[in-house]
Amino acid sequence: MNPITVLLADDHDVVRKGMKMLLEDEEDVKVIGEASDGLDAVEKIGILLPNVVILDLTMPKMNGIEAAKIISTDYPSVKILIFSMHNNREYIVNSVENGASGYLLKDTGKEELMRAIKVVSEGRKYFPPEISEVIIDELLAKTTIEVQDDKNRPIFQKITPKEKQILGMIVQGYNSREIADKLFLSIRTVDNHRANMMKKTQAKNTADLVKMAIG
């Protein structure tokens, strides 16, 4: 199987070199380029077309949010994994709204970094617990949303605690089988909960749920 190709974009040379060293021993991942700012990242992605770009947010010339917007629009096959020191709603929301498939903090360990790269390369989302909690809480706390049920209640209030738990794990990058194993449920039960959430919120998929939550 071909390795996942990665481009590293960070204005700190030490950070890039450290990440490259972490990934060099992994057979499943190959670093094919580095960028020192957002503009450099966009230009190199156009040439190299990596599977995944690991993108810092605070960079010169063009910040990570601006770069993510261009990358997600012009190169939709390239998955964006944000790697940032910022753990607040504004950065998380802006990242997701501009095409990020995942968001990691810079104190992340190698094992989680590898999992995130693999998950986003497969077209899924990856947000670790401390990040997904922000997204899910925002979803459940939302009280003003255009789509409401027949009793004029915000539709997100109809999500059950079990559905919230499963949605949180979906946002963290777990598939139905992994969720079933961790919660001691059948895959069919997990899929039924997923389908119920889609129906209740009128979302087409999990990405729609996230966008509705933070929009």
N, C-alpha and C. Protein backbone atom coordinates (compact mmCIF):
# COMPACT_ATOMS: atom_id res chain seq x y z
N MET A 1 0.84 -1.19 0.00
CA MET A 1 0.00 0.00 0.00
C MET A 1 0.88 1.25 0.00
N ASN A 2 0.52 2.22 -0.81
CA ASN A 2 1.30 3.45 -0.90
C ASN A 2 1.21 4.24 0.41
N PRO A 3 2.31 4.87 0.83
CA PRO A 3 2.27 5.66 2.06
C PRO A 3 1.44 6.92 1.87
N ILE A 4 0.96 7.46 2.99
CA ILE A 4 0.23 8.73 2.98
C ILE A 4 1.25 9.84 2.81
N THR A 5 1.09 10.65 1.80
CA THR A 5 2.03 11.74 1.57
C THR A 5 1.61 12.98 2.35
N VAL A 6 2.60 13.63 2.97
CA VAL A 6 2.33 14.73 3.89
C VAL A 6 3.21 15.93 3.56
N LEU A 7 2.62 17.12 3.65
CA LEU A 7 3.39 18.36 3.59
C LEU A 7 3.28 19.05 4.94
N LEU A 8 4.41 19.48 5.50
CA LEU A 8 4.45 20.14 6.79
C LEU A 8 4.55 21.65 6.60
N ALA A 9 3.62 22.39 7.19
CA ALA A 9 3.64 23.85 7.05
C ALA A 9 3.66 24.51 8.43
N ASP A 10 4.79 25.08 8.79
CA ASP A 10 4.96 25.75 10.08
C ASP A 10 6.11 26.72 9.95
N ASP A 11 5.97 27.91 10.52
CA ASP A 11 7.03 28.90 10.37
C ASP A 11 8.21 28.66 11.31
N HIS A 12 8.07 27.72 12.21
CA HIS A 12 9.19 27.39 13.11
C HIS A 12 9.94 26.17 12.57
N ASP A 13 11.18 26.39 12.20
CA ASP A 13 11.99 25.33 11.61
C ASP A 13 12.14 24.15 12.57
N VAL A 14 12.29 24.44 13.86
CA VAL A 14 12.47 23.37 14.85
C VAL A 14 11.24 22.47 14.91
N VAL A 15 10.06 23.08 14.83
CA VAL A 15 8.82 22.31 14.86
C VAL A 15 8.72 21.40 13.64
N ARG A 16 9.00 21.95 12.47
CA ARG A 16 8.94 21.15 11.24
C ARG A 16 9.93 19.99 11.29
N LYS A 17 11.15 20.27 11.69
CA LYS A 17 12.17 19.23 11.73
C LYS A 17 11.80 18.15 12.76
N GLY A 18 11.25 18.61 13.90
CA GLY A 18 10.85 17.64 14.91
C GLY A 18 9.74 16.72 14.43
N MET A 19 8.74 17.29 13.74
CA MET A 19 7.65 16.48 13.21
C MET A 19 8.16 15.54 12.12
N LYS A 20 9.05 16.04 11.29
CA LYS A 20 9.60 15.19 10.23
C LYS A 20 10.34 14.00 10.81
N MET A 21 11.10 14.25 11.88
CA MET A 21 11.82 13.15 12.54
C MET A 21 10.84 12.13 13.12
N LEU A 22 9.74 12.61 13.69
CA LEU A 22 8.73 11.71 14.24
C LEU A 22 8.14 10.81 13.17
N LEU A 23 7.96 11.37 11.99
CA LEU A 23 7.26 10.64 10.93
C LEU A 23 8.19 9.80 10.05
N GLU A 24 9.48 10.07 10.10
CA GLU A 24 10.42 9.39 9.21
C GLU A 24 10.45 7.87 9.41
N ASP A 25 10.22 7.43 10.64
CA ASP A 25 10.28 6.00 10.93
C ASP A 25 8.98 5.26 10.60
N GLU A 26 7.97 5.99 10.17
CA GLU A 26 6.67 5.37 9.88
C GLU A 26 6.59 4.97 8.41
N GLU A 27 6.35 3.69 8.17
CA GLU A 27 6.26 3.19 6.80
C GLU A 27 5.01 3.70 6.09
N ASP A 28 3.97 4.01 6.87
CA ASP A 28 2.69 4.40 6.28
C ASP A 28 2.62 5.88 5.89
N VAL A 29 3.64 6.65 6.28
CA VAL A 29 3.62 8.09 6.04
C VAL A 29 4.94 8.53 5.39
N LYS A 30 4.84 9.45 4.44
CA LYS A 30 6.04 9.99 3.80
C LYS A 30 5.92 11.50 3.69
N VAL A 31 6.86 12.21 4.31
CA VAL A 31 6.89 13.67 4.22
C VAL A 31 7.51 14.04 2.88
N ILE A 32 6.76 14.73 2.02
CA ILE A 32 7.24 15.04 0.68
C ILE A 32 7.56 16.53 0.49
N GLY A 33 7.32 17.33 1.56
CA GLY A 33 7.62 18.75 1.43
C GLY A 33 7.44 19.50 2.72
N GLU A 34 8.04 20.69 2.78
CA GLU A 34 7.91 21.57 3.93
C GLU A 34 7.64 22.99 3.45
N ALA A 35 6.92 23.75 4.28
CA ALA A 35 6.63 25.14 3.95
C ALA A 35 6.79 25.98 5.22
N SER A 36 7.32 27.20 5.05
CA SER A 36 7.61 28.05 6.21
C SER A 36 6.56 29.14 6.43
N ASP A 37 5.59 29.23 5.52
CA ASP A 37 4.50 30.20 5.69
C ASP A 37 3.31 29.74 4.87
N GLY A 38 2.18 30.41 5.04
CA GLY A 38 0.96 29.97 4.38
C GLY A 38 1.03 30.06 2.86
N LEU A 39 1.62 31.12 2.35
CA LEU A 39 1.74 31.29 0.90
C LEU A 39 2.62 30.20 0.30
N ASP A 40 3.71 29.91 0.98
CA ASP A 40 4.61 28.84 0.55
C ASP A 40 3.88 27.50 0.55
N ALA A 41 3.05 27.29 1.56
CA ALA A 41 2.29 26.04 1.65
C ALA A 41 1.35 25.87 0.45
N VAL A 42 0.59 26.92 0.14
CA VAL A 42 -0.35 26.86 -0.98
C VAL A 42 0.38 26.58 -2.29
N GLU A 43 1.50 27.25 -2.51
CA GLU A 43 2.26 27.08 -3.75
C GLU A 43 2.80 25.65 -3.87
N LYS A 44 3.33 25.11 -2.77
CA LYS A 44 3.91 23.76 -2.82
C LYS A 44 2.84 22.69 -2.94
N ILE A 45 1.67 22.94 -2.35
CA ILE A 45 0.57 21.97 -2.49
C ILE A 45 0.15 21.87 -3.95
N GLY A 46 0.14 23.02 -4.65
CA GLY A 46 -0.22 23.00 -6.06
C GLY A 46 0.74 22.18 -6.90
N ILE A 47 1.97 22.06 -6.45
CA ILE A 47 2.99 21.29 -7.18
C ILE A 47 3.02 19.84 -6.72
N LEU A 48 3.00 19.62 -5.40
CA LEU A 48 3.21 18.29 -4.84
C LEU A 48 1.93 17.47 -4.65
N LEU A 49 0.80 18.15 -4.45
CA LEU A 49 -0.49 17.50 -4.20
C LEU A 49 -0.39 16.37 -3.16
N PRO A 50 -0.02 16.69 -1.95
CA PRO A 50 0.06 15.66 -0.90
C PRO A 50 -1.33 15.17 -0.52
N ASN A 51 -1.39 14.03 0.14
CA ASN A 51 -2.67 13.54 0.66
C ASN A 51 -3.14 14.40 1.83
N VAL A 52 -2.17 14.84 2.66
CA VAL A 52 -2.49 15.60 3.87
C VAL A 52 -1.50 16.75 4.03
N VAL A 53 -2.02 17.92 4.41
CA VAL A 53 -1.15 19.02 4.81
C VAL A 53 -1.36 19.26 6.30
N ILE A 54 -0.26 19.26 7.06
CA ILE A 54 -0.31 19.58 8.49
C ILE A 54 0.02 21.05 8.61
N LEU A 55 -0.98 21.83 9.03
CA LEU A 55 -0.94 23.28 8.86
C LEU A 55 -0.99 24.02 10.19
N ASP A 56 0.02 24.85 10.43
CA ASP A 56 0.00 25.75 11.59
C ASP A 56 -0.94 26.91 11.29
N LEU A 57 -1.45 27.57 12.34
CA LEU A 57 -2.38 28.68 12.12
C LEU A 57 -1.69 30.04 12.07
N THR A 58 -0.71 30.25 12.92
CA THR A 58 -0.07 31.57 13.00
C THR A 58 1.24 31.55 12.22
N MET A 59 1.13 31.93 10.94
CA MET A 59 2.30 31.97 10.05
C MET A 59 2.34 33.30 9.32
N PRO A 60 3.53 33.74 8.89
CA PRO A 60 3.64 35.01 8.16
C PRO A 60 3.14 34.89 6.71
N LYS A 61 2.99 36.04 6.06
CA LYS A 61 2.58 36.17 4.67
C LYS A 61 1.13 35.75 4.45
N MET A 62 0.77 34.58 4.94
CA MET A 62 -0.61 34.10 4.87
C MET A 62 -0.83 33.16 6.04
N ASN A 63 -1.83 33.46 6.90
CA ASN A 63 -2.01 32.60 8.07
C ASN A 63 -2.68 31.28 7.68
N GLY A 64 -2.77 30.37 8.64
CA GLY A 64 -3.29 29.04 8.36
C GLY A 64 -4.74 29.02 7.94
N ILE A 65 -5.55 29.91 8.51
CA ILE A 65 -6.97 29.98 8.15
C ILE A 65 -7.13 30.37 6.68
N GLU A 66 -6.40 31.40 6.27
CA GLU A 66 -6.45 31.85 4.87
C GLU A 66 -5.95 30.76 3.93
N ALA A 67 -4.87 30.10 4.33
CA ALA A 67 -4.32 29.03 3.50
C ALA A 67 -5.31 27.87 3.40
N ALA A 68 -5.94 27.52 4.53
CA ALA A 68 -6.91 26.41 4.54
C ALA A 68 -8.07 26.69 3.58
N LYS A 69 -8.54 27.93 3.56
CA LYS A 69 -9.65 28.29 2.69
C LYS A 69 -9.28 28.08 1.22
N ILE A 70 -8.08 28.51 0.84
CA ILE A 70 -7.63 28.34 -0.54
C ILE A 70 -7.43 26.87 -0.88
N ILE A 71 -6.78 26.15 0.03
CA ILE A 71 -6.49 24.74 -0.21
C ILE A 71 -7.78 23.93 -0.36
N SER A 72 -8.74 24.15 0.54
CA SER A 72 -9.98 23.38 0.50
C SER A 72 -10.80 23.69 -0.75
N THR A 73 -10.64 24.90 -1.28
CA THR A 73 -11.37 25.29 -2.49
C THR A 73 -10.67 24.82 -3.76
N ASP A 74 -9.36 25.05 -3.84
CA ASP A 74 -8.62 24.74 -5.06
C ASP A 74 -8.11 23.31 -5.13
N TYR A 75 -7.88 22.70 -3.97
CA TYR A 75 -7.34 21.34 -3.94
C TYR A 75 -8.14 20.48 -2.95
N PRO A 76 -9.40 20.20 -3.26
CA PRO A 76 -10.28 19.50 -2.31
C PRO A 76 -9.81 18.09 -1.95
N SER A 77 -8.96 17.49 -2.76
CA SER A 77 -8.47 16.14 -2.45
C SER A 77 -7.41 16.16 -1.35
N VAL A 78 -6.83 17.34 -1.09
CA VAL A 78 -5.80 17.47 -0.04
C VAL A 78 -6.51 17.73 1.30
N LYS A 79 -6.31 16.84 2.24
CA LYS A 79 -6.96 16.96 3.54
C LYS A 79 -6.12 17.84 4.47
N ILE A 80 -6.82 18.68 5.21
CA ILE A 80 -6.14 19.68 6.06
C ILE A 80 -6.22 19.26 7.52
N LEU A 81 -5.06 19.13 8.14
CA LEU A 81 -4.96 18.81 9.57
C LEU A 81 -4.29 20.00 10.26
N ILE A 82 -5.05 20.72 11.06
CA ILE A 82 -4.49 21.88 11.77
C ILE A 82 -3.66 21.39 12.95
N PHE A 83 -2.48 22.01 13.11
CA PHE A 83 -1.57 21.68 14.21
C PHE A 83 -1.23 23.00 14.89
N SER A 84 -1.88 23.26 16.04
CA SER A 84 -1.82 24.61 16.61
C SER A 84 -1.63 24.60 18.11
N MET A 85 -1.15 25.70 18.64
CA MET A 85 -1.04 25.88 20.09
C MET A 85 -2.33 26.48 20.65
N HIS A 86 -3.25 26.89 19.79
CA HIS A 86 -4.46 27.58 20.22
C HIS A 86 -5.61 26.61 20.49
N ASN A 87 -6.13 26.65 21.70
CA ASN A 87 -7.25 25.80 22.07
C ASN A 87 -8.42 26.68 22.50
N ASN A 88 -9.01 27.36 21.55
CA ASN A 88 -10.18 28.19 21.87
C ASN A 88 -11.19 28.10 20.73
N ARG A 89 -12.40 28.50 21.04
CA ARG A 89 -13.51 28.32 20.11
C ARG A 89 -13.27 29.03 18.78
N GLU A 90 -12.75 30.25 18.83
CA GLU A 90 -12.59 31.04 17.61
C GLU A 90 -11.72 30.33 16.58
N TYR A 91 -10.57 29.83 17.03
CA TYR A 91 -9.66 29.16 16.10
C TYR A 91 -10.26 27.84 15.61
N ILE A 92 -10.89 27.10 16.50
CA ILE A 92 -11.49 25.82 16.11
C ILE A 92 -12.59 26.03 15.08
N VAL A 93 -13.49 26.97 15.38
CA VAL A 93 -14.61 27.26 14.49
C VAL A 93 -14.11 27.72 13.12
N ASN A 94 -13.19 28.67 13.11
CA ASN A 94 -12.67 29.19 11.84
C ASN A 94 -11.97 28.10 11.02
N SER A 95 -11.28 27.21 11.71
CA SER A 95 -10.59 26.12 11.01
C SER A 95 -11.58 25.20 10.32
N VAL A 96 -12.61 24.78 11.05
CA VAL A 96 -13.61 23.89 10.47
C VAL A 96 -14.37 24.57 9.34
N GLU A 97 -14.74 25.82 9.55
CA GLU A 97 -15.49 26.56 8.53
C GLU A 97 -14.69 26.74 7.24
N ASN A 98 -13.37 26.71 7.35
CA ASN A 98 -12.52 26.91 6.17
C ASN A 98 -11.89 25.63 5.66
N GLY A 99 -12.47 24.50 6.02
CA GLY A 99 -12.10 23.25 5.35
C GLY A 99 -11.24 22.28 6.11
N ALA A 100 -10.89 22.55 7.36
CA ALA A 100 -10.05 21.62 8.11
C ALA A 100 -10.80 20.32 8.42
N SER A 101 -10.13 19.21 8.23
CA SER A 101 -10.70 17.90 8.55
C SER A 101 -10.32 17.44 9.96
N GLY A 102 -9.33 18.12 10.55
CA GLY A 102 -8.90 17.75 11.89
C GLY A 102 -8.18 18.90 12.55
N TYR A 103 -8.04 18.79 13.88
CA TYR A 103 -7.42 19.86 14.65
C TYR A 103 -6.68 19.23 15.83
N LEU A 104 -5.37 19.43 15.88
CA LEU A 104 -4.54 18.90 16.97
C LEU A 104 -3.81 20.04 17.67
N LEU A 105 -3.59 19.86 18.96
CA LEU A 105 -2.77 20.80 19.71
C LEU A 105 -1.31 20.37 19.66
N LYS A 106 -0.41 21.32 19.85
CA LYS A 106 1.00 21.04 19.65
C LYS A 106 1.65 20.21 20.76
N ASP A 107 0.87 19.89 21.79
CA ASP A 107 1.40 18.96 22.80
C ASP A 107 0.94 17.53 22.52
N THR A 108 0.42 17.31 21.32
CA THR A 108 -0.06 15.98 20.92
C THR A 108 1.10 15.00 20.82
N GLY A 109 0.87 13.77 21.26
CA GLY A 109 1.88 12.72 21.15
C GLY A 109 1.90 12.09 19.77
N LYS A 110 2.93 11.30 19.51
CA LYS A 110 3.12 10.69 18.20
C LYS A 110 1.97 9.77 17.83
N GLU A 111 1.50 8.98 18.79
CA GLU A 111 0.44 8.01 18.49
C GLU A 111 -0.82 8.71 17.99
N GLU A 112 -1.19 9.81 18.65
CA GLU A 112 -2.39 10.52 18.22
C GLU A 112 -2.16 11.24 16.90
N LEU A 113 -0.97 11.77 16.69
CA LEU A 113 -0.65 12.41 15.43
C LEU A 113 -0.80 11.42 14.27
N MET A 114 -0.29 10.21 14.46
CA MET A 114 -0.38 9.19 13.42
C MET A 114 -1.83 8.81 13.15
N ARG A 115 -2.61 8.68 14.22
CA ARG A 115 -4.02 8.33 14.04
C ARG A 115 -4.75 9.45 13.28
N ALA A 116 -4.47 10.69 13.63
CA ALA A 116 -5.13 11.81 12.97
C ALA A 116 -4.79 11.85 11.48
N ILE A 117 -3.53 11.65 11.15
CA ILE A 117 -3.13 11.65 9.74
C ILE A 117 -3.87 10.56 8.98
N LYS A 118 -3.94 9.38 9.57
CA LYS A 118 -4.60 8.26 8.90
C LYS A 118 -6.09 8.53 8.72
N VAL A 119 -6.73 9.03 9.77
CA VAL A 119 -8.17 9.27 9.73
C VAL A 119 -8.54 10.32 8.68
N VAL A 120 -7.85 11.46 8.69
CA VAL A 120 -8.22 12.51 7.73
C VAL A 120 -7.87 12.10 6.31
N SER A 121 -6.81 11.30 6.14
CA SER A 121 -6.45 10.85 4.79
C SER A 121 -7.52 9.96 4.19
N GLU A 122 -8.33 9.35 5.05
CA GLU A 122 -9.43 8.49 4.60
C GLU A 122 -10.72 9.27 4.35
N GLY A 123 -10.64 10.59 4.51
CA GLY A 123 -11.81 11.42 4.26
C GLY A 123 -12.72 11.59 5.46
N ARG A 124 -12.24 11.18 6.64
CA ARG A 124 -13.02 11.33 7.86
C ARG A 124 -12.53 12.56 8.64
N LYS A 125 -13.25 12.86 9.71
CA LYS A 125 -12.88 13.99 10.57
C LYS A 125 -12.10 13.47 11.78
N TYR A 126 -11.19 14.32 12.29
CA TYR A 126 -10.49 13.95 13.51
C TYR A 126 -10.34 15.16 14.43
N PHE A 127 -11.06 15.11 15.54
CA PHE A 127 -10.94 16.14 16.57
C PHE A 127 -10.82 15.43 17.91
N PRO A 128 -9.70 15.55 18.62
CA PRO A 128 -9.51 14.88 19.90
C PRO A 128 -10.52 15.38 20.93
N PRO A 129 -10.65 14.67 22.06
CA PRO A 129 -11.70 15.00 23.04
C PRO A 129 -11.77 16.46 23.44
N GLU A 130 -10.63 17.10 23.69
CA GLU A 130 -10.66 18.49 24.16
C GLU A 130 -11.17 19.44 23.07
N ILE A 131 -11.02 19.04 21.81
CA ILE A 131 -11.52 19.86 20.71
C ILE A 131 -12.96 19.50 20.38
N SER A 132 -13.26 18.21 20.32
CA SER A 132 -14.63 17.79 19.99
C SER A 132 -15.62 18.24 21.05
N GLU A 133 -15.17 18.35 22.29
CA GLU A 133 -16.04 18.82 23.37
C GLU A 133 -16.53 20.24 23.09
N VAL A 134 -15.64 21.08 22.56
CA VAL A 134 -16.03 22.44 22.21
C VAL A 134 -17.11 22.41 21.13
N ILE A 135 -16.91 21.56 20.13
CA ILE A 135 -17.84 21.48 19.01
C ILE A 135 -19.19 20.92 19.45
N ILE A 136 -19.17 19.81 20.21
CA ILE A 136 -20.42 19.18 20.64
C ILE A 136 -21.18 20.06 21.61
N ASP A 137 -20.49 20.68 22.55
CA ASP A 137 -21.17 21.58 23.49
C ASP A 137 -21.81 22.75 22.77
N GLU A 138 -21.13 23.23 21.75
CA GLU A 138 -21.70 24.32 20.95
C GLU A 138 -22.97 23.86 20.25
N LEU A 139 -22.94 22.64 19.76
CA LEU A 139 -24.11 22.07 19.08
C LEU A 139 -25.30 21.97 20.03
N LEU A 140 -25.07 21.41 21.20
CA LEU A 140 -26.17 21.16 22.14
C LEU A 140 -26.65 22.43 22.83
N ALA A 141 -25.79 23.44 22.92
CA ALA A 141 -26.18 24.68 23.59
C ALA A 141 -26.89 25.64 22.64
N LYS A 142 -26.89 25.29 21.37
CA LYS A 142 -27.44 26.21 20.39
C LYS A 142 -28.96 26.36 20.60
N THR A 143 -29.42 27.57 20.74
CA THR A 143 -30.85 27.80 21.00
C THR A 143 -31.53 28.58 19.88
N THR A 144 -30.73 29.16 18.99
CA THR A 144 -31.33 29.89 17.86
C THR A 144 -30.85 29.26 16.58
N ILE A 145 -31.67 28.43 16.01
CA ILE A 145 -31.35 27.76 14.76
C ILE A 145 -32.58 27.79 13.88
N GLU A 146 -32.40 27.99 12.62
CA GLU A 146 -33.53 28.19 11.72
C GLU A 146 -34.47 26.99 11.68
N VAL A 147 -33.91 25.79 11.64
CA VAL A 147 -34.74 24.59 11.52
C VAL A 147 -35.20 24.17 12.90
N GLN A 148 -36.54 24.12 13.12
CA GLN A 148 -37.10 23.72 14.39
C GLN A 148 -38.15 22.64 14.19
N ASP A 149 -38.49 21.93 15.27
CA ASP A 149 -39.48 20.87 15.14
C ASP A 149 -40.89 21.46 15.20
N ASP A 150 -41.89 20.56 15.18
CA ASP A 150 -43.28 21.03 15.11
C ASP A 150 -43.74 21.70 16.39
N LYS A 151 -42.97 21.59 17.47
CA LYS A 151 -43.31 22.27 18.72
C LYS A 151 -42.45 23.52 18.91
N ASN A 152 -41.80 23.93 17.83
CA ASN A 152 -40.99 25.15 17.82
C ASN A 152 -39.82 25.10 18.79
N ARG A 153 -39.25 23.88 18.96
CA ARG A 153 -38.08 23.71 19.81
C ARG A 153 -36.84 23.56 18.92
N PRO A 154 -35.70 24.07 19.34
CA PRO A 154 -34.48 23.85 18.57
C PRO A 154 -34.24 22.36 18.38
N ILE A 155 -33.97 21.94 17.15
CA ILE A 155 -33.88 20.50 16.87
C ILE A 155 -32.72 19.83 17.60
N PHE A 156 -31.64 20.55 17.91
CA PHE A 156 -30.51 19.91 18.58
C PHE A 156 -30.87 19.47 20.00
N GLN A 157 -31.91 20.06 20.58
CA GLN A 157 -32.32 19.66 21.92
C GLN A 157 -32.92 18.26 21.93
N LYS A 158 -33.24 17.73 20.77
CA LYS A 158 -33.85 16.41 20.70
C LYS A 158 -32.81 15.29 20.67
N ILE A 159 -31.53 15.64 20.60
CA ILE A 159 -30.48 14.62 20.60
C ILE A 159 -30.36 14.01 22.00
N THR A 160 -30.39 12.70 22.09
CA THR A 160 -30.34 12.01 23.38
C THR A 160 -28.90 11.97 23.91
N PRO A 161 -28.72 11.68 25.21
CA PRO A 161 -27.36 11.56 25.76
C PRO A 161 -26.51 10.52 25.03
N LYS A 162 -27.11 9.39 24.67
CA LYS A 162 -26.36 8.35 23.96
C LYS A 162 -25.94 8.85 22.58
N GLU A 163 -26.84 9.57 21.91
CA GLU A 163 -26.50 10.13 20.60
C GLU A 163 -25.39 11.16 20.72
N LYS A 164 -25.43 11.96 21.80
CA LYS A 164 -24.36 12.94 22.03
C LYS A 164 -23.02 12.22 22.20
N GLN A 165 -23.03 11.12 22.95
CA GLN A 165 -21.81 10.35 23.17
C GLN A 165 -21.26 9.81 21.84
N ILE A 166 -22.15 9.26 21.04
CA ILE A 166 -21.74 8.69 19.76
C ILE A 166 -21.27 9.78 18.81
N LEU A 167 -21.98 10.91 18.78
CA LEU A 167 -21.57 12.02 17.92
C LEU A 167 -20.18 12.51 18.32
N GLY A 168 -19.94 12.59 19.62
CA GLY A 168 -18.62 13.01 20.07
C GLY A 168 -17.52 12.09 19.56
N MET A 169 -17.79 10.79 19.54
CA MET A 169 -16.79 9.82 19.07
C MET A 169 -16.63 9.89 17.55
N ILE A 170 -17.73 10.17 16.85
CA ILE A 170 -17.64 10.34 15.39
C ILE A 170 -16.74 11.53 15.07
N VAL A 171 -16.94 12.63 15.79
CA VAL A 171 -16.14 13.82 15.57
C VAL A 171 -14.67 13.56 15.89
N GLN A 172 -14.42 12.65 16.82
CA GLN A 172 -13.04 12.30 17.18
C GLN A 172 -12.40 11.37 16.16
N GLY A 173 -13.16 10.94 15.14
CA GLY A 173 -12.57 10.14 14.07
C GLY A 173 -12.84 8.66 14.14
N TYR A 174 -13.66 8.21 15.10
CA TYR A 174 -13.95 6.79 15.21
C TYR A 174 -15.02 6.38 14.20
N ASN A 175 -14.85 5.21 13.59
CA ASN A 175 -15.89 4.70 12.70
C ASN A 175 -16.89 3.87 13.50
N SER A 176 -17.93 3.38 12.83
CA SER A 176 -19.01 2.68 13.53
C SER A 176 -18.52 1.44 14.26
N ARG A 177 -17.63 0.69 13.64
CA ARG A 177 -17.12 -0.52 14.29
C ARG A 177 -16.34 -0.18 15.57
N GLU A 178 -15.50 0.84 15.49
CA GLU A 178 -14.71 1.23 16.67
C GLU A 178 -15.61 1.75 17.78
N ILE A 179 -16.64 2.51 17.41
CA ILE A 179 -17.58 3.02 18.42
C ILE A 179 -18.32 1.86 19.07
N ALA A 180 -18.76 0.93 18.24
CA ALA A 180 -19.48 -0.24 18.76
C ALA A 180 -18.62 -1.02 19.75
N ASP A 181 -17.36 -1.21 19.43
CA ASP A 181 -16.45 -1.95 20.31
C ASP A 181 -16.25 -1.22 21.63
N LYS A 182 -16.07 0.10 21.57
CA LYS A 182 -15.79 0.87 22.78
C LYS A 182 -17.02 1.00 23.69
N LEU A 183 -18.21 1.05 23.09
CA LEU A 183 -19.43 1.24 23.88
C LEU A 183 -20.19 -0.06 24.10
N PHE A 184 -19.62 -1.18 23.62
CA PHE A 184 -20.24 -2.51 23.78
C PHE A 184 -21.64 -2.52 23.16
N LEU A 185 -21.70 -2.00 21.94
CA LEU A 185 -22.94 -1.99 21.18
C LEU A 185 -22.72 -2.75 19.88
N SER A 186 -23.81 -3.07 19.20
CA SER A 186 -23.68 -3.65 17.87
C SER A 186 -23.45 -2.53 16.86
N ILE A 187 -22.83 -2.86 15.73
CA ILE A 187 -22.62 -1.87 14.69
C ILE A 187 -23.96 -1.33 14.19
N ARG A 188 -24.96 -2.23 14.11
CA ARG A 188 -26.28 -1.80 13.65
C ARG A 188 -26.87 -0.75 14.59
N THR A 189 -26.67 -0.94 15.90
CA THR A 189 -27.19 0.04 16.87
C THR A 189 -26.52 1.39 16.69
N VAL A 190 -25.21 1.38 16.51
CA VAL A 190 -24.49 2.63 16.28
C VAL A 190 -24.98 3.31 15.01
N ASP A 191 -25.14 2.54 13.95
CA ASP A 191 -25.62 3.10 12.68
C ASP A 191 -27.03 3.65 12.81
N ASN A 192 -27.85 2.99 13.62
CA ASN A 192 -29.22 3.48 13.85
C ASN A 192 -29.20 4.82 14.58
N HIS A 193 -28.33 4.94 15.59
CA HIS A 193 -28.20 6.22 16.30
C HIS A 193 -27.72 7.31 15.34
N ARG A 194 -26.77 6.96 14.50
CA ARG A 194 -26.26 7.92 13.52
C ARG A 194 -27.39 8.38 12.58
N ALA A 195 -28.17 7.43 12.10
CA ALA A 195 -29.28 7.75 11.20
C ALA A 195 -30.33 8.62 11.90
N ASN A 196 -30.58 8.32 13.18
CA ASN A 196 -31.55 9.12 13.94
C ASN A 196 -31.10 10.57 14.07
N MET A 197 -29.80 10.76 14.31
CA MET A 197 -29.28 12.13 14.42
C MET A 197 -29.40 12.88 13.10
N MET A 198 -29.13 12.17 12.00
CA MET A 198 -29.26 12.80 10.69
C MET A 198 -30.71 13.23 10.45
N LYS A 199 -31.65 12.35 10.85
CA LYS A 199 -33.06 12.64 10.63
C LYS A 199 -33.52 13.80 11.51
N LYS A 200 -33.13 13.79 12.78
CA LYS A 200 -33.57 14.82 13.72
C LYS A 200 -33.06 16.21 13.33
N THR A 201 -31.85 16.27 12.83
CA THR A 201 -31.25 17.55 12.52
C THR A 201 -31.35 17.92 11.05
N GLN A 202 -31.86 16.98 10.25
CA GLN A 202 -31.97 17.18 8.80
C GLN A 202 -30.60 17.41 8.17
N ALA A 203 -29.58 16.84 8.79
CA ALA A 203 -28.22 16.94 8.25
C ALA A 203 -27.98 15.80 7.27
N LYS A 204 -27.20 16.07 6.24
CA LYS A 204 -26.89 15.04 5.24
C LYS A 204 -25.82 14.08 5.74
N ASN A 205 -24.94 14.58 6.60
CA ASN A 205 -23.84 13.77 7.11
C ASN A 205 -23.26 14.42 8.36
N THR A 206 -22.23 13.81 8.92
CA THR A 206 -21.63 14.33 10.15
C THR A 206 -21.01 15.70 9.93
N ALA A 207 -20.43 15.92 8.76
CA ALA A 207 -19.85 17.23 8.46
C ALA A 207 -20.92 18.31 8.53
N ASP A 208 -22.12 17.99 8.07
CA ASP A 208 -23.23 18.95 8.16
C ASP A 208 -23.56 19.27 9.61
N LEU A 209 -23.54 18.25 10.46
CA LEU A 209 -23.82 18.46 11.89
C LEU A 209 -22.82 19.44 12.49
N VAL A 210 -21.55 19.23 12.19
CA VAL A 210 -20.51 20.10 12.73
C VAL A 210 -20.71 21.54 12.23
N LYS A 211 -21.00 21.69 10.94
CA LYS A 211 -21.19 23.02 10.38
C LYS A 211 -22.41 23.71 10.98
N MET A 212 -23.49 22.95 11.22
CA MET A 212 -24.69 23.52 11.84
C MET A 212 -24.41 23.94 13.27
N ALA A 213 -23.54 23.20 13.94
CA ALA A 213 -23.24 23.49 15.34
C ALA A 213 -22.45 24.77 15.50
N ILE A 214 -21.52 25.01 14.57
CA ILE A 214 -20.62 26.14 14.75
C ILE A 214 -20.93 27.30 13.83
N GLY A 215 -21.92 27.13 12.96
CA GLY A 215 -22.23 28.17 11.99
C GLY A 215 -22.89 29.36 12.62
